[in-house]
Amino acid sequence: MWDWYHLTDFYISEDYRNKGLGSQVIKRIEEFALNNNAMGVKINS
C-alpha cells in the first residue's frame, strides 16, 4: 500500500462543531492508515 495517507479539504459543518466529531474522524483515519501499514497520515485542511 502507500507509505502515507493524505487527508485534504476536511470540513465539519457548523452544526456538528465543538462536539469532538472531527477528532473522532481523524483518530479513525489514523488507526485505519496504521492498520494498513502506512507510516502515518498527512492532514491539510
N, C-alpha and C. Protein backbone atom coordinates (compact mmCIF):
# COMPACT_ATOMS: atom_id res chain seq x y z
N MET A 1 0.84 -1.19 0.00
CA MET A 1 0.00 0.00 0.00
C MET A 1 0.88 1.25 0.00
N TRP A 2 0.28 2.36 0.27
CA TRP A 2 1.01 3.62 0.24
C TRP A 2 1.78 3.84 1.53
N ASP A 3 2.82 4.66 1.44
CA ASP A 3 3.59 4.98 2.64
C ASP A 3 2.82 5.91 3.57
N TRP A 4 2.11 6.87 2.98
CA TRP A 4 1.37 7.86 3.76
C TRP A 4 -0.05 7.98 3.23
N TYR A 5 -0.99 8.26 4.11
CA TYR A 5 -2.35 8.61 3.71
C TYR A 5 -2.46 10.12 3.81
N HIS A 6 -3.16 10.72 2.87
CA HIS A 6 -3.31 12.17 2.82
C HIS A 6 -4.78 12.54 3.00
N LEU A 7 -5.03 13.45 3.92
CA LEU A 7 -6.39 13.94 4.17
C LEU A 7 -6.40 15.42 3.81
N THR A 8 -7.22 15.79 2.84
CA THR A 8 -7.30 17.19 2.43
C THR A 8 -8.76 17.64 2.42
N ASP A 9 -8.94 18.92 2.55
CA ASP A 9 -10.27 19.53 2.49
C ASP A 9 -11.24 18.91 3.49
N PHE A 10 -10.78 18.72 4.70
CA PHE A 10 -11.61 18.17 5.77
C PHE A 10 -12.46 19.28 6.35
N TYR A 11 -13.76 19.06 6.43
CA TYR A 11 -14.69 20.10 6.87
C TYR A 11 -15.77 19.49 7.76
N ILE A 12 -16.03 20.14 8.87
CA ILE A 12 -17.13 19.77 9.76
C ILE A 12 -18.15 20.90 9.72
N SER A 13 -19.39 20.57 9.42
CA SER A 13 -20.47 21.56 9.38
C SER A 13 -20.60 22.24 10.75
N GLU A 14 -20.95 23.50 10.74
CA GLU A 14 -21.07 24.26 11.99
C GLU A 14 -22.01 23.59 12.99
N ASP A 15 -23.02 22.88 12.50
CA ASP A 15 -23.97 22.20 13.39
C ASP A 15 -23.31 21.11 14.22
N TYR A 16 -22.16 20.59 13.76
CA TYR A 16 -21.51 19.48 14.43
C TYR A 16 -20.17 19.84 15.06
N ARG A 17 -19.80 21.11 15.03
CA ARG A 17 -18.52 21.53 15.61
C ARG A 17 -18.59 21.55 17.14
N ASN A 18 -17.42 21.49 17.75
CA ASN A 18 -17.26 21.54 19.21
C ASN A 18 -17.94 20.36 19.91
N LYS A 19 -18.05 19.24 19.20
CA LYS A 19 -18.64 18.03 19.78
C LYS A 19 -17.67 16.86 19.73
N GLY A 20 -16.45 17.13 19.27
CA GLY A 20 -15.44 16.09 19.21
C GLY A 20 -15.53 15.19 17.98
N LEU A 21 -16.45 15.49 17.08
CA LEU A 21 -16.63 14.67 15.89
C LEU A 21 -15.39 14.67 14.99
N GLY A 22 -14.84 15.84 14.76
CA GLY A 22 -13.65 15.94 13.91
C GLY A 22 -12.48 15.14 14.47
N SER A 23 -12.28 15.22 15.77
CA SER A 23 -11.21 14.46 16.42
C SER A 23 -11.44 12.96 16.28
N GLN A 24 -12.68 12.53 16.40
CA GLN A 24 -13.01 11.11 16.27
C GLN A 24 -12.74 10.63 14.85
N VAL A 25 -13.12 11.42 13.86
CA VAL A 25 -12.90 11.03 12.47
C VAL A 25 -11.41 10.93 12.18
N ILE A 26 -10.64 11.92 12.61
CA ILE A 26 -9.19 11.90 12.36
C ILE A 26 -8.55 10.72 13.06
N LYS A 27 -8.96 10.43 14.28
CA LYS A 27 -8.41 9.28 15.01
C LYS A 27 -8.69 7.98 14.25
N ARG A 28 -9.90 7.82 13.73
CA ARG A 28 -10.24 6.61 12.97
C ARG A 28 -9.42 6.50 11.69
N ILE A 29 -9.21 7.64 11.03
CA ILE A 29 -8.39 7.64 9.81
C ILE A 29 -6.96 7.24 10.13
N GLU A 30 -6.42 7.77 11.22
CA GLU A 30 -5.07 7.41 11.63
C GLU A 30 -4.97 5.92 11.96
N GLU A 31 -5.95 5.39 12.67
CA GLU A 31 -5.96 3.97 13.01
C GLU A 31 -6.03 3.12 11.74
N PHE A 32 -6.88 3.50 10.80
CA PHE A 32 -7.01 2.77 9.55
C PHE A 32 -5.69 2.76 8.79
N ALA A 33 -5.05 3.92 8.72
CA ALA A 33 -3.79 4.03 7.99
C ALA A 33 -2.73 3.13 8.62
N LEU A 34 -2.59 3.18 9.93
CA LEU A 34 -1.57 2.39 10.60
C LEU A 34 -1.87 0.89 10.50
N ASN A 35 -3.15 0.52 10.54
CA ASN A 35 -3.53 -0.88 10.40
C ASN A 35 -3.31 -1.40 8.98
N ASN A 36 -3.11 -0.49 8.04
CA ASN A 36 -2.86 -0.87 6.65
C ASN A 36 -1.43 -0.54 6.23
N ASN A 37 -0.54 -0.58 7.23
CA ASN A 37 0.91 -0.46 7.02
C ASN A 37 1.36 0.89 6.49
N ALA A 38 0.59 1.94 6.71
CA ALA A 38 1.05 3.28 6.34
C ALA A 38 1.97 3.80 7.44
N MET A 39 2.84 4.72 7.07
CA MET A 39 3.72 5.33 8.05
C MET A 39 2.97 6.36 8.90
N GLY A 40 1.92 6.95 8.31
CA GLY A 40 1.16 7.95 9.04
C GLY A 40 0.17 8.63 8.12
N VAL A 41 -0.40 9.72 8.64
CA VAL A 41 -1.39 10.50 7.90
C VAL A 41 -0.92 11.95 7.84
N LYS A 42 -0.99 12.53 6.67
CA LYS A 42 -0.70 13.96 6.50
C LYS A 42 -2.04 14.68 6.32
N ILE A 43 -2.27 15.67 7.15
CA ILE A 43 -3.56 16.37 7.14
C ILE A 43 -3.35 17.82 6.71
N ASN A 44 -4.08 18.22 5.67
CA ASN A 44 -4.10 19.59 5.19
C ASN A 44 -5.57 19.99 5.00
N SER A 45 -6.04 20.88 5.84
CA SER A 45 -7.43 21.30 5.66
C SER A 45 -7.55 22.79 5.86
